[in-house]
Amino acid sequence: QVQLVESGGGLVQAGGSLTLSCVASGNIHRINTMGWYRHAPGKQRELVTTISSGGDTNYSDSVKGRFTISRDNPKNTVYLQANDLKQEDTAVYYCNARGWAVTGENLQSNFAVWGQGSLVTVSS
């Protein structure tokens, strides 16, 4: 199966910047859409941004203009560059990937997998 490993979370001051990385590994045939979600205490999980295999991006209104998503397809990696961070950005951030995997018998199967989560805390 496919697995995602995140890195880059931590504590930053308001107005600062932070970069999250998410690396996919496993029997990957093709990754289609990758994205970032976040889950703040007391709030519902929120879609932050997505990027297609061709590089088309979408952003939630709350982060548009401040966050940038990018990907390195040969490395199966997606990044989230977060600038001008605000206290309301504090959350656990999860990366997500959807695509097709190859089994030991060379058969394809659809997958949707999540990273383990990265805590981003923005202080005043």
PDB file of N, CA and C in Angstrom:
ATOM      1  N   GLN A   1       0.831  -1.197   0.000  1.00  0.00           N
ATOM      2  CA  GLN A   1       0.000   0.000   0.000  1.00  0.00           C
ATOM      3  C   GLN A   1       0.872   1.256   0.000  1.00  0.00           C
ATOM      4  N   VAL A   2       0.224   2.409  -0.138  1.00  0.00           N
ATOM      5  CA  VAL A   2       0.901   3.688  -0.185  1.00  0.00           C
ATOM      6  C   VAL A   2       0.876   4.307   1.202  1.00  0.00           C
ATOM      7  N   GLN A   3       1.968   4.973   1.563  1.00  0.00           N
ATOM      8  CA  GLN A   3       2.096   5.618   2.856  1.00  0.00           C
ATOM      9  C   GLN A   3       2.604   7.040   2.675  1.00  0.00           C
ATOM     10  N   LEU A   4       2.103   7.975   3.508  1.00  0.00           N
ATOM     11  CA  LEU A   4       2.527   9.362   3.489  1.00  0.00           C
ATOM     12  C   LEU A   4       3.196   9.708   4.810  1.00  0.00           C
ATOM     13  N   VAL A   5       4.341  10.381   4.749  1.00  0.00           N
ATOM     14  CA  VAL A   5       5.070  10.817   5.925  1.00  0.00           C
ATOM     15  C   VAL A   5       5.271  12.319   5.849  1.00  0.00           C
ATOM     16  N   GLU A   6       4.799  13.035   6.875  1.00  0.00           N
ATOM     17  CA  GLU A   6       4.877  14.482   6.921  1.00  0.00           C
ATOM     18  C   GLU A   6       6.046  14.942   7.779  1.00  0.00           C
ATOM     19  N   SER A   7       6.493  16.165   7.531  1.00  0.00           N
ATOM     20  CA  SER A   7       7.517  16.794   8.350  1.00  0.00           C
ATOM     21  C   SER A   7       7.404  18.304   8.211  1.00  0.00           C
ATOM     22  N   GLY A   8       7.964  19.021   9.182  1.00  0.00           N
ATOM     23  CA  GLY A   8       8.050  20.466   9.094  1.00  0.00           C
ATOM     24  C   GLY A   8       7.173  21.250  10.037  1.00  0.00           C
ATOM     25  N   GLY A   9       6.339  20.591  10.818  1.00  0.00           N
ATOM     26  CA  GLY A   9       5.494  21.303  11.755  1.00  0.00           C
ATOM     27  C   GLY A   9       6.292  21.889  12.905  1.00  0.00           C
ATOM     28  N   GLY A  10       5.662  22.798  13.644  1.00  0.00           N
ATOM     29  CA  GLY A  10       6.332  23.405  14.773  1.00  0.00           C
ATOM     30  C   GLY A  10       5.655  24.672  15.235  1.00  0.00           C
ATOM     31  N   LEU A  11       6.369  25.432  16.057  1.00  0.00           N
ATOM     32  CA  LEU A  11       5.888  26.675  16.638  1.00  0.00           C
ATOM     33  C   LEU A  11       6.470  27.856  15.886  1.00  0.00           C
ATOM     34  N   VAL A  12       5.602  28.770  15.468  1.00  0.00           N
ATOM     35  CA  VAL A  12       6.034  29.977  14.777  1.00  0.00           C
ATOM     36  C   VAL A  12       5.276  31.171  15.339  1.00  0.00           C
ATOM     37  N   GLN A  13       5.860  32.351  15.193  1.00  0.00           N
ATOM     38  CA  GLN A  13       5.211  33.579  15.617  1.00  0.00           C
ATOM     39  C   GLN A  13       4.270  34.086  14.535  1.00  0.00           C
ATOM     40  N   ALA A  14       3.242  34.790  14.957  1.00  0.00           N
ATOM     41  CA  ALA A  14       2.323  35.404  14.007  1.00  0.00           C
ATOM     42  C   ALA A  14       3.089  36.293  13.038  1.00  0.00           C
ATOM     43  N   GLY A  15       2.750  36.174  11.770  1.00  0.00           N
ATOM     44  CA  GLY A  15       3.453  36.896  10.728  1.00  0.00           C
ATOM     45  C   GLY A  15       4.617  36.140  10.134  1.00  0.00           C
ATOM     46  N   GLY A  16       4.997  35.034  10.746  1.00  0.00           N
ATOM     47  CA  GLY A  16       6.106  34.240  10.268  1.00  0.00           C
ATOM     48  C   GLY A  16       5.692  33.244   9.203  1.00  0.00           C
ATOM     49  N   SER A  17       6.651  32.409   8.809  1.00  0.00           N
ATOM     50  CA  SER A  17       6.444  31.440   7.742  1.00  0.00           C
ATOM     51  C   SER A  17       6.895  30.057   8.176  1.00  0.00           C
ATOM     52  N   LEU A  18       6.353  29.059   7.502  1.00  0.00           N
ATOM     53  CA  LEU A  18       6.657  27.670   7.795  1.00  0.00           C
ATOM     54  C   LEU A  18       6.388  26.840   6.553  1.00  0.00           C
ATOM     55  N   THR A  19       7.175  25.778   6.366  1.00  0.00           N
ATOM     56  CA  THR A  19       7.007  24.888   5.231  1.00  0.00           C
ATOM     57  C   THR A  19       6.773  23.466   5.706  1.00  0.00           C
ATOM     58  N   LEU A  20       5.719  22.839   5.215  1.00  0.00           N
ATOM     59  CA  LEU A  20       5.423  21.442   5.484  1.00  0.00           C
ATOM     60  C   LEU A  20       5.758  20.608   4.257  1.00  0.00           C
ATOM     61  N   SER A  21       6.245  19.401   4.488  1.00  0.00           N
ATOM     62  CA  SER A  21       6.542  18.464   3.417  1.00  0.00           C
ATOM     63  C   SER A  21       5.799  17.161   3.660  1.00  0.00           C
ATOM     64  N   CYS A  22       5.478  16.471   2.584  1.00  0.00           N
ATOM     65  CA  CYS A  22       4.781  15.200   2.665  1.00  0.00           C
ATOM     66  C   CYS A  22       5.293  14.299   1.553  1.00  0.00           C
ATOM     67  N   VAL A  23       5.880  13.172   1.926  1.00  0.00           N
ATOM     68  CA  VAL A  23       6.494  12.255   0.974  1.00  0.00           C
ATOM     69  C   VAL A  23       5.677  10.970   0.904  1.00  0.00           C
ATOM     70  N   ALA A  24       5.311  10.574  -0.291  1.00  0.00           N
ATOM     71  CA  ALA A  24       4.586   9.334  -0.517  1.00  0.00           C
ATOM     72  C   ALA A  24       5.548   8.225  -0.915  1.00  0.00           C
ATOM     73  N   SER A  25       5.293   7.030  -0.413  1.00  0.00           N
ATOM     74  CA  SER A  25       6.102   5.873  -0.763  1.00  0.00           C
ATOM     75  C   SER A  25       5.208   4.646  -0.867  1.00  0.00           C
ATOM     76  N   GLY A  26       5.733   3.598  -1.477  1.00  0.00           N
ATOM     77  CA  GLY A  26       4.978   2.373  -1.646  1.00  0.00           C
ATOM     78  C   GLY A  26       4.868   1.984  -3.108  1.00  0.00           C
ATOM     79  N   ASN A  27       3.907   1.134  -3.387  1.00  0.00           N
ATOM     80  CA  ASN A  27       3.719   0.628  -4.742  1.00  0.00           C
ATOM     81  C   ASN A  27       2.891   1.610  -5.565  1.00  0.00           C
ATOM     82  N   ILE A  28       3.467   2.762  -5.821  1.00  0.00           N
ATOM     83  CA  ILE A  28       2.770   3.848  -6.500  1.00  0.00           C
ATOM     84  C   ILE A  28       2.894   3.691  -8.001  1.00  0.00           C
ATOM     85  N   HIS A  29       1.756   3.659  -8.654  1.00  0.00           N
ATOM     86  CA  HIS A  29       1.727   3.732 -10.103  1.00  0.00           C
ATOM     87  C   HIS A  29       1.544   5.172 -10.564  1.00  0.00           C
ATOM     88  N   ARG A  30       0.596   5.864  -9.948  1.00  0.00           N
ATOM     89  CA  ARG A  30       0.308   7.242 -10.313  1.00  0.00           C
ATOM     90  C   ARG A  30      -0.373   7.946  -9.150  1.00  0.00           C
ATOM     91  N   ILE A  31       0.078   9.158  -8.819  1.00  0.00           N
ATOM     92  CA  ILE A  31      -0.601  10.019  -7.876  1.00  0.00           C
ATOM     93  C   ILE A  31      -1.330  11.105  -8.654  1.00  0.00           C
ATOM     94  N   ASN A  32      -2.628  11.195  -8.441  1.00  0.00           N
ATOM     95  CA  ASN A  32      -3.431  12.192  -9.142  1.00  0.00           C
ATOM     96  C   ASN A  32      -3.476  13.495  -8.345  1.00  0.00           C
ATOM     97  N   THR A  33      -4.393  13.602  -7.406  1.00  0.00           N
ATOM     98  CA  THR A  33      -4.540  14.811  -6.619  1.00  0.00           C
ATOM     99  C   THR A  33      -3.867  14.665  -5.263  1.00  0.00           C
ATOM    100  N   MET A  34      -3.147  15.697  -4.837  1.00  0.00           N
ATOM    101  CA  MET A  34      -2.586  15.786  -3.504  1.00  0.00           C
ATOM    102  C   MET A  34      -3.118  17.056  -2.851  1.00  0.00           C
ATOM    103  N   GLY A  35      -3.220  17.033  -1.535  1.00  0.00           N
ATOM    104  CA  GLY A  35      -3.754  18.199  -0.863  1.00  0.00           C
ATOM    105  C   GLY A  35      -3.402  18.243   0.602  1.00  0.00           C
ATOM    106  N   TRP A  36      -3.793  19.340   1.226  1.00  0.00           N
ATOM    107  CA  TRP A  36      -3.591  19.559   2.649  1.00  0.00           C
ATOM    108  C   TRP A  36      -4.918  19.900   3.305  1.00  0.00           C
ATOM    109  N   TYR A  37      -5.182  19.251   4.429  1.00  0.00           N
ATOM    110  CA  TYR A  37      -6.314  19.537   5.281  1.00  0.00           C
ATOM    111  C   TYR A  37      -5.787  19.971   6.642  1.00  0.00           C
ATOM    112  N   ARG A  38      -6.635  20.622   7.427  1.00  0.00           N
ATOM    113  CA  ARG A  38      -6.253  20.952   8.782  1.00  0.00           C
ATOM    114  C   ARG A  38      -7.430  20.767   9.716  1.00  0.00           C
ATOM    115  N   HIS A  39      -7.114  20.462  10.973  1.00  0.00           N
ATOM    116  CA  HIS A  39      -8.117  20.212  11.982  1.00  0.00           C
ATOM    117  C   HIS A  39      -7.728  20.955  13.248  1.00  0.00           C
ATOM    118  N   ALA A  40      -8.437  22.024  13.537  1.00  0.00           N
ATOM    119  CA  ALA A  40      -8.207  22.813  14.733  1.00  0.00           C
ATOM    120  C   ALA A  40      -9.121  22.337  15.856  1.00  0.00           C
ATOM    121  N   PRO A  41      -8.702  22.490  17.111  1.00  0.00           N
ATOM    122  CA  PRO A  41      -9.546  22.069  18.230  1.00  0.00           C
ATOM    123  C   PRO A  41     -10.901  22.757  18.208  1.00  0.00           C
ATOM    124  N   GLY A  42     -11.958  21.957  18.356  1.00  0.00           N
ATOM    125  CA  GLY A  42     -13.303  22.494  18.376  1.00  0.00           C
ATOM    126  C   GLY A  42     -13.878  22.833  17.024  1.00  0.00           C
ATOM    127  N   LYS A  43     -13.144  22.555  15.957  1.00  0.00           N
ATOM    128  CA  LYS A  43     -13.609  22.850  14.615  1.00  0.00           C
ATOM    129  C   LYS A  43     -13.598  21.589  13.757  1.00  0.00           C
ATOM    130  N   GLN A  44     -14.354  21.628  12.687  1.00  0.00           N
ATOM    131  CA  GLN A  44     -14.399  20.522  11.750  1.00  0.00           C
ATOM    132  C   GLN A  44     -13.158  20.531  10.862  1.00  0.00           C
ATOM    133  N   ARG A  45     -12.761  19.357  10.416  1.00  0.00           N
ATOM    134  CA  ARG A  45     -11.643  19.265   9.485  1.00  0.00           C
ATOM    135  C   ARG A  45     -11.939  20.094   8.240  1.00  0.00           C
ATOM    136  N   GLU A  46     -10.946  20.853   7.796  1.00  0.00           N
ATOM    137  CA  GLU A  46     -11.110  21.825   6.732  1.00  0.00           C
ATOM    138  C   GLU A  46     -10.138  21.544   5.598  1.00  0.00           C
ATOM    139  N   LEU A  47     -10.632  21.597   4.388  1.00  0.00           N
ATOM    140  CA  LEU A  47      -9.773  21.508   3.218  1.00  0.00           C
ATOM    141  C   LEU A  47      -9.041  22.828   3.031  1.00  0.00           C
ATOM    142  N   VAL A  48      -7.712  22.769   2.957  1.00  0.00           N
ATOM    143  CA  VAL A  48      -6.892  23.963   2.825  1.00  0.00           C
ATOM    144  C   VAL A  48      -6.548  24.232   1.374  1.00  0.00           C
ATOM    145  N   THR A  49      -5.989  23.234   0.696  1.00  0.00           N
ATOM    146  CA  THR A  49      -5.532  23.418  -0.671  1.00  0.00           C
ATOM    147  C   THR A  49      -5.327  22.074  -1.345  1.00  0.00           C
ATOM    148  N   THR A  50      -5.463  22.046  -2.662  1.00  0.00           N
ATOM    149  CA  THR A  50      -5.214  20.848  -3.452  1.00  0.00           C
ATOM    150  C   THR A  50      -4.386  21.209  -4.676  1.00  0.00           C
ATOM    151  N   ILE A  51      -3.737  20.196  -5.227  1.00  0.00           N
ATOM    152  CA  ILE A  51      -2.970  20.364  -6.452  1.00  0.00           C
ATOM    153  C   ILE A  51      -3.112  19.104  -7.290  1.00  0.00           C
ATOM    154  N   SER A  52      -3.375  19.278  -8.568  1.00  0.00           N
ATOM    155  CA  SER A  52      -3.531  18.157  -9.474  1.00  0.00           C
ATOM    156  C   SER A  52      -2.176  17.662  -9.946  1.00  0.00           C
ATOM    157  N   SER A  53      -2.186  16.543 -10.648  1.00  0.00           N
ATOM    158  CA  SER A  53      -0.943  16.002 -11.179  1.00  0.00           C
ATOM    159  C   SER A  53      -0.297  16.947 -12.185  1.00  0.00           C
ATOM    160  N   GLY A  54      -1.111  17.771 -12.838  1.00  0.00           N
ATOM    161  CA  GLY A  54      -0.602  18.733 -13.794  1.00  0.00           C
ATOM    162  C   GLY A  54      -0.228  20.074 -13.208  1.00  0.00           C
ATOM    163  N   GLY A  55      -0.464  20.269 -11.902  1.00  0.00           N
ATOM    164  CA  GLY A  55      -0.068  21.496 -11.242  1.00  0.00           C
ATOM    165  C   GLY A  55      -1.174  22.512 -11.019  1.00  0.00           C
ATOM    166  N   ASP A  56      -2.414  22.181 -11.372  1.00  0.00           N
ATOM    167  CA  ASP A  56      -3.529  23.087 -11.102  1.00  0.00           C
ATOM    168  C   ASP A  56      -3.837  23.103  -9.612  1.00  0.00           C
ATOM    169  N   THR A  57      -4.045  24.293  -9.048  1.00  0.00           N
ATOM    170  CA  THR A  57      -4.214  24.447  -7.604  1.00  0.00           C
ATOM    171  C   THR A  57      -5.544  25.079  -7.249  1.00  0.00           C
ATOM    172  N   ASN A  58      -5.997  24.777  -6.030  1.00  0.00           N
ATOM    173  CA  ASN A  58      -7.167  25.399  -5.432  1.00  0.00           C
ATOM    174  C   ASN A  58      -6.858  25.700  -3.973  1.00  0.00           C
ATOM    175  N   TYR A  59      -7.390  26.832  -3.485  1.00  0.00           N
ATOM    176  CA  TYR A  59      -7.148  27.260  -2.115  1.00  0.00           C
ATOM    177  C   TYR A  59      -8.449  27.661  -1.456  1.00  0.00           C
ATOM    178  N   SER A  60      -8.543  27.408  -0.155  1.00  0.00           N
ATOM    179  CA  SER A  60      -9.656  27.930   0.606  1.00  0.00           C
ATOM    180  C   SER A  60      -9.501  29.440   0.746  1.00  0.00           C
ATOM    181  N   ASP A  61     -10.621  30.127   0.927  1.00  0.00           N
ATOM    182  CA  ASP A  61     -10.580  31.582   1.032  1.00  0.00           C
ATOM    183  C   ASP A  61      -9.736  32.055   2.208  1.00  0.00           C
ATOM    184  N   SER A  62      -9.682  31.274   3.271  1.00  0.00           N
ATOM    185  CA  SER A  62      -8.980  31.691   4.474  1.00  0.00           C
ATOM    186  C   SER A  62      -7.465  31.731   4.300  1.00  0.00           C
ATOM    187  N   VAL A  63      -6.929  31.012   3.314  1.00  0.00           N
ATOM    188  CA  VAL A  63      -5.479  30.955   3.139  1.00  0.00           C
ATOM    189  C   VAL A  63      -5.020  31.509   1.799  1.00  0.00           C
ATOM    190  N   LYS A  64      -5.931  31.790   0.915  1.00  0.00           N
ATOM    191  CA  LYS A  64      -5.569  32.267  -0.411  1.00  0.00           C
ATOM    192  C   LYS A  64      -4.754  33.549  -0.320  1.00  0.00           C
ATOM    193  N   GLY A  65      -3.643  33.581  -1.032  1.00  0.00           N
ATOM    194  CA  GLY A  65      -2.741  34.711  -0.998  1.00  0.00           C
ATOM    195  C   GLY A  65      -1.636  34.587   0.025  1.00  0.00           C
ATOM    196  N   ARG A  66      -1.780  33.668   0.977  1.00  0.00           N
ATOM    197  CA  ARG A  66      -0.777  33.459   2.015  1.00  0.00           C
ATOM    198  C   ARG A  66      -0.092  32.098   1.907  1.00  0.00           C
ATOM    199  N   PHE A  67      -0.833  31.077   1.495  1.00  0.00           N
ATOM    200  CA  PHE A  67      -0.308  29.717   1.405  1.00  0.00           C
ATOM    201  C   PHE A  67      -0.071  29.353  -0.057  1.00  0.00           C
ATOM    202  N   THR A  68       0.927  28.510  -0.287  1.00  0.00           N
ATOM    203  CA  THR A  68       1.232  28.010  -1.615  1.00  0.00           C
ATOM    204  C   THR A  68       1.492  26.513  -1.557  1.00  0.00           C
ATOM    205  N   ILE A  69       0.798  25.763  -2.405  1.00  0.00           N
ATOM    206  CA  ILE A  69       1.026  24.335  -2.505  1.00  0.00           C
ATOM    207  C   ILE A  69       1.839  24.053  -3.770  1.00  0.00           C
ATOM    208  N   SER A  70       2.744  23.095  -3.678  1.00  0.00           N
ATOM    209  CA  SER A  70       3.534  22.685  -4.825  1.00  0.00           C
ATOM    210  C   SER A  70       3.857  21.202  -4.700  1.00  0.00           C
ATOM    211  N   ARG A  71       4.328  20.608  -5.777  1.00  0.00           N
ATOM    212  CA  ARG A  71       4.655  19.182  -5.741  1.00  0.00           C
ATOM    213  C   ARG A  71       5.835  18.891  -6.639  1.00  0.00           C
ATOM    214  N   ASP A  72       6.546  17.835  -6.278  1.00  0.00           N
ATOM    215  CA  ASP A  72       7.665  17.321  -7.042  1.00  0.00           C
ATOM    216  C   ASP A  72       7.295  15.897  -7.427  1.00  0.00           C
ATOM    217  N   ASN A  73       6.797  15.720  -8.631  1.00  0.00           N
ATOM    218  CA  ASN A  73       6.258  14.423  -9.029  1.00  0.00           C
ATOM    219  C   ASN A  73       7.288  13.295  -9.024  1.00  0.00           C
ATOM    220  N   PRO A  74       8.512  13.508  -9.536  1.00  0.00           N
ATOM    221  CA  PRO A  74       9.487  12.405  -9.471  1.00  0.00           C
ATOM    222  C   PRO A  74       9.808  11.967  -8.053  1.00  0.00           C
ATOM    223  N   LYS A  75       9.684  12.876  -7.072  1.00  0.00           N
ATOM    224  CA  LYS A  75       9.955  12.543  -5.675  1.00  0.00           C
ATOM    225  C   LYS A  75       8.696  12.181  -4.899  1.00  0.00           C
ATOM    226  N   ASN A  76       7.540  12.206  -5.555  1.00  0.00           N
ATOM    227  CA  ASN A  76       6.262  11.904  -4.904  1.00  0.00           C
ATOM    228  C   ASN A  76       6.072  12.741  -3.643  1.00  0.00           C
ATOM    229  N   THR A  77       6.379  14.021  -3.740  1.00  0.00           N
ATOM    230  CA  THR A  77       6.365  14.908  -2.589  1.00  0.00           C
ATOM    231  C   THR A  77       5.484  16.117  -2.852  1.00  0.00           C
ATOM    232  N   VAL A  78       4.723  16.512  -1.843  1.00  0.00           N
ATOM    233  CA  VAL A  78       3.922  17.723  -1.890  1.00  0.00           C
ATOM    234  C   VAL A  78       4.361  18.630  -0.752  1.00  0.00           C
ATOM    235  N   TYR A  79       4.353  19.944  -1.007  1.00  0.00           N
ATOM    236  CA  TYR A  79       4.794  20.925  -0.032  1.00  0.00           C
ATOM    237  C   TYR A  79       3.674  21.925   0.245  1.00  0.00           C
ATOM    238  N   LEU A  80       3.722  22.503   1.419  1.00  0.00           N
ATOM    239  CA  LEU A  80       2.851  23.609   1.768  1.00  0.00           C
ATOM    240  C   LEU A  80       3.700  24.723   2.345  1.00  0.00           C
ATOM    241  N   GLN A  81       3.799  25.824   1.614  1.00  0.00           N
ATOM    242  CA  GLN A  81       4.497  27.010   2.082  1.00  0.00           C
ATOM    243  C   GLN A  81       3.472  27.953   2.683  1.00  0.00           C
ATOM    244  N   ALA A  82       3.569  28.179   3.972  1.00  0.00           N
ATOM    245  CA  ALA A  82       2.616  29.010   4.701  1.00  0.00           C
ATOM    246  C   ALA A  82       3.301  30.295   5.122  1.00  0.00           C
ATOM    247  N   ASN A  83       2.816  31.413   4.617  1.00  0.00           N
ATOM    248  CA  ASN A  83       3.366  32.724   4.932  1.00  0.00           C
ATOM    249  C   ASN A  83       2.339  33.563   5.681  1.00  0.00           C
ATOM    250  N   ASP A  84       2.840  34.612   6.342  1.00  0.00           N
ATOM    251  CA  ASP A  84       1.984  35.532   7.085  1.00  0.00           C
ATOM    252  C   ASP A  84       1.006  34.759   7.975  1.00  0.00           C
ATOM    253  N   LEU A  85       1.549  33.872   8.772  1.00  0.00           N
ATOM    254  CA  LEU A  85       0.717  33.002   9.592  1.00  0.00           C
ATOM    255  C   LEU A  85      -0.036  33.779  10.657  1.00  0.00           C
ATOM    256  N   LYS A  86      -1.258  33.347  10.907  1.00  0.00           N
ATOM    257  CA  LYS A  86      -2.130  33.942  11.907  1.00  0.00           C
ATOM    258  C   LYS A  86      -2.472  32.906  12.968  1.00  0.00           C
ATOM    259  N   GLN A  87      -2.920  33.385  14.126  1.00  0.00           N
ATOM    260  CA  GLN A  87      -3.261  32.472  15.212  1.00  0.00           C
ATOM    261  C   GLN A  87      -4.347  31.489  14.784  1.00  0.00           C
ATOM    262  N   GLU A  88      -5.263  31.917  13.943  1.00  0.00           N
ATOM    263  CA  GLU A  88      -6.323  31.029  13.497  1.00  0.00           C
ATOM    264  C   GLU A  88      -5.838  29.930  12.562  1.00  0.00           C
ATOM    265  N   ASP A  89      -4.572  29.992  12.131  1.00  0.00           N
ATOM    266  CA  ASP A  89      -3.989  28.913  11.341  1.00  0.00           C
ATOM    267  C   ASP A  89      -3.523  27.754  12.208  1.00  0.00           C
ATOM    268  N   THR A  90      -3.518  27.928  13.519  1.00  0.00           N
ATOM    269  CA  THR A  90      -3.097  26.867  14.423  1.00  0.00           C
ATOM    270  C   THR A  90      -3.992  25.643  14.248  1.00  0.00           C
ATOM    271  N   ALA A  91      -3.381  24.502  13.944  1.00  0.00           N
ATOM    272  CA  ALA A  91      -4.133  23.280  13.694  1.00  0.00           C
ATOM    273  C   ALA A  91      -3.161  22.135  13.456  1.00  0.00           C
ATOM    274  N   VAL A  92      -3.703  20.931  13.413  1.00  0.00           N
ATOM    275  CA  VAL A  92      -2.962  19.784  12.931  1.00  0.00           C
ATOM    276  C   VAL A  92      -3.207  19.683  11.429  1.00  0.00           C
ATOM    277  N   TYR A  93      -2.147  19.668  10.666  1.00  0.00           N
ATOM    278  CA  TYR A  93      -2.240  19.643   9.212  1.00  0.00           C
ATOM    279  C   TYR A  93      -1.984  18.232   8.696  1.00  0.00           C
ATOM    280  N   TYR A  94      -2.858  17.766   7.817  1.00  0.00           N
ATOM    281  CA  TYR A  94      -2.771  16.433   7.245  1.00  0.00           C
ATOM    282  C   TYR A  94      -2.635  16.524   5.730  1.00  0.00           C
ATOM    283  N   CYS A  95      -1.673  15.815   5.174  1.00  0.00           N
ATOM    284  CA  CYS A  95      -1.606  15.721   3.730  1.00  0.00           C
ATOM    285  C   CYS A  95      -2.423  14.525   3.260  1.00  0.00           C
ATOM    286  N   ASN A  96      -2.853  14.590   2.019  1.00  0.00           N
ATOM    287  CA  ASN A  96      -3.687  13.562   1.432  1.00  0.00           C
ATOM    288  C   ASN A  96      -3.250  13.331  -0.006  1.00  0.00           C
ATOM    289  N   ALA A  97      -3.325  12.093  -0.443  1.00  0.00           N
ATOM    290  CA  ALA A  97      -2.993  11.760  -1.817  1.00  0.00           C
ATOM    291  C   ALA A  97      -3.986  10.744  -2.354  1.00  0.00           C
ATOM    292  N   ARG A  98      -4.353  10.914  -3.601  1.00  0.00           N
ATOM    293  CA  ARG A  98      -5.237   9.985  -4.297  1.00  0.00           C
ATOM    294  C   ARG A  98      -4.584   9.559  -5.601  1.00  0.00           C
ATOM    295  N   GLY A  99      -4.723   8.290  -5.922  1.00  0.00           N
ATOM    296  CA  GLY A  99      -4.125   7.809  -7.153  1.00  0.00           C
ATOM    297  C   GLY A  99      -4.336   6.331  -7.348  1.00  0.00           C
ATOM    298  N   TRP A 100      -3.358   5.724  -8.030  1.00  0.00           N
ATOM    299  CA  TRP A 100      -3.426   4.313  -8.371  1.00  0.00           C
ATOM    300  C   TRP A 100      -2.171   3.600  -7.909  1.00  0.00           C
ATOM    301  N   ALA A 101      -2.353   2.447  -7.279  1.00  0.00           N
ATOM    302  CA  ALA A 101      -1.254   1.623  -6.807  1.00  0.00           C
ATOM    303  C   ALA A 101      -1.154   0.361  -7.647  1.00  0.00           C
ATOM    304  N   VAL A 102       0.022  -0.262  -7.616  1.00  0.00           N
ATOM    305  CA  VAL A 102       0.283  -1.496  -8.339  1.00  0.00           C
ATOM    306  C   VAL A 102       0.527  -2.612  -7.335  1.00  0.00           C
ATOM    307  N   THR A 103      -0.179  -3.716  -7.490  1.00  0.00           N
ATOM    308  CA  THR A 103      -0.007  -4.873  -6.619  1.00  0.00           C
ATOM    309  C   THR A 103       1.165  -5.723  -7.093  1.00  0.00           C
ATOM    310  N   GLY A 104       1.470  -6.770  -6.319  1.00  0.00           N
ATOM    311  CA  GLY A 104       2.531  -7.688  -6.705  1.00  0.00           C
ATOM    312  C   GLY A 104       2.251  -8.430  -7.994  1.00  0.00           C
ATOM    313  N   GLU A 105       1.002  -8.517  -8.367  1.00  0.00           N
ATOM    314  CA  GLU A 105       0.602  -9.153  -9.622  1.00  0.00           C
ATOM    315  C   GLU A 105       0.430  -8.134 -10.740  1.00  0.00           C
ATOM    316  N   ASN A 106       0.936  -6.919 -10.521  1.00  0.00           N
ATOM    317  CA  ASN A 106       0.910  -5.852 -11.509  1.00  0.00           C
ATOM    318  C   ASN A 106      -0.509  -5.389 -11.830  1.00  0.00           C
ATOM    319  N   LEU A 107      -1.377  -5.461 -10.845  1.00  0.00           N
ATOM    320  CA  LEU A 107      -2.740  -4.974 -10.980  1.00  0.00           C
ATOM    321  C   LEU A 107      -2.876  -3.631 -10.272  1.00  0.00           C
ATOM    322  N   GLN A 108      -3.648  -2.738 -10.844  1.00  0.00           N
ATOM    323  CA  GLN A 108      -3.839  -1.412 -10.287  1.00  0.00           C
ATOM    324  C   GLN A 108      -5.055  -1.361  -9.374  1.00  0.00           C
ATOM    325  N   SER A 109      -4.953  -0.556  -8.336  1.00  0.00           N
ATOM    326  CA  SER A 109      -6.066  -0.309  -7.442  1.00  0.00           C
ATOM    327  C   SER A 109      -6.047   1.149  -7.009  1.00  0.00           C
ATOM    328  N   ASN A 110      -7.228   1.731  -6.851  1.00  0.00           N
ATOM    329  CA  ASN A 110      -7.346   3.116  -6.441  1.00  0.00           C
ATOM    330  C   ASN A 110      -7.045   3.253  -4.952  1.00  0.00           C
ATOM    331  N   PHE A 111      -6.383   4.350  -4.563  1.00  0.00           N
ATOM    332  CA  PHE A 111      -6.100   4.592  -3.157  1.00  0.00           C
ATOM    333  C   PHE A 111      -6.369   6.039  -2.782  1.00  0.00           C
ATOM    334  N   ALA A 112      -6.648   6.236  -1.514  1.00  0.00           N
ATOM    335  CA  ALA A 112      -6.737   7.554  -0.891  1.00  0.00           C
ATOM    336  C   ALA A 112      -6.136   7.409   0.494  1.00  0.00           C
ATOM    337  N   VAL A 113      -5.021   8.086   0.743  1.00  0.00           N
ATOM    338  CA  VAL A 113      -4.264   7.864   1.964  1.00  0.00           C
ATOM    339  C   VAL A 113      -3.928   9.201   2.628  1.00  0.00           C
ATOM    340  N   TRP A 114      -3.772   9.168   3.946  1.00  0.00           N
ATOM    341  CA  TRP A 114      -3.504  10.348   4.755  1.00  0.00           C
ATOM    342  C   TRP A 114      -2.144  10.271   5.419  1.00  0.00           C
ATOM    343  N   GLY A 115      -1.516  11.428   5.625  1.00  0.00           N
ATOM    344  CA  GLY A 115      -0.331  11.523   6.444  1.00  0.00           C
ATOM    345  C   GLY A 115      -0.683  11.439   7.914  1.00  0.00           C
ATOM    346  N   GLN A 116       0.346  11.396   8.757  1.00  0.00           N
ATOM    347  CA  GLN A 116       0.126  11.199  10.187  1.00  0.00           C
ATOM    348  C   GLN A 116      -0.301  12.463  10.918  1.00  0.00           C
ATOM    349  N   GLY A 117      -0.171  13.609  10.287  1.00  0.00           N
ATOM    350  CA  GLY A 117      -0.532  14.879  10.894  1.00  0.00           C
ATOM    351  C   GLY A 117       0.672  15.626  11.424  1.00  0.00           C
ATOM    352  N   SER A 118       0.682  16.945  11.229  1.00  0.00           N
ATOM    353  CA  SER A 118       1.748  17.812  11.718  1.00  0.00           C
ATOM    354  C   SER A 118       1.122  18.987  12.458  1.00  0.00           C
ATOM    355  N   LEU A 119       1.533  19.186  13.703  1.00  0.00           N
ATOM    356  CA  LEU A 119       0.993  20.274  14.505  1.00  0.00           C
ATOM    357  C   LEU A 119       1.701  21.577  14.164  1.00  0.00           C
ATOM    358  N   VAL A 120       0.922  22.565  13.768  1.00  0.00           N
ATOM    359  CA  VAL A 120       1.413  23.913  13.531  1.00  0.00           C
ATOM    360  C   VAL A 120       0.774  24.832  14.560  1.00  0.00           C
ATOM    361  N   THR A 121       1.604  25.459  15.382  1.00  0.00           N
ATOM    362  CA  THR A 121       1.123  26.366  16.413  1.00  0.00           C
ATOM    363  C   THR A 121       1.645  27.768  16.119  1.00  0.00           C
ATOM    364  N   VAL A 122       0.735  28.711  15.984  1.00  0.00           N
ATOM    365  CA  VAL A 122       1.085  30.103  15.712  1.00  0.00           C
ATOM    366  C   VAL A 122       0.841  30.905  16.984  1.00  0.00           C
ATOM    367  N   SER A 123       1.894  31.493  17.508  1.00  0.00           N
ATOM    368  CA  SER A 123       1.815  32.255  18.747  1.00  0.00           C
ATOM    369  C   SER A 123       1.667  33.736  18.458  1.00  0.00           C
ATOM    370  N   SER A 124       1.197  34.467  19.465  1.00  0.00           N
ATOM    371  CA  SER A 124       1.053  35.915  19.342  1.00  0.00           C
ATOM    372  C   SER A 124       2.345  36.628  19.648  1.00  0.00           C
TER     373      SER A 124
END
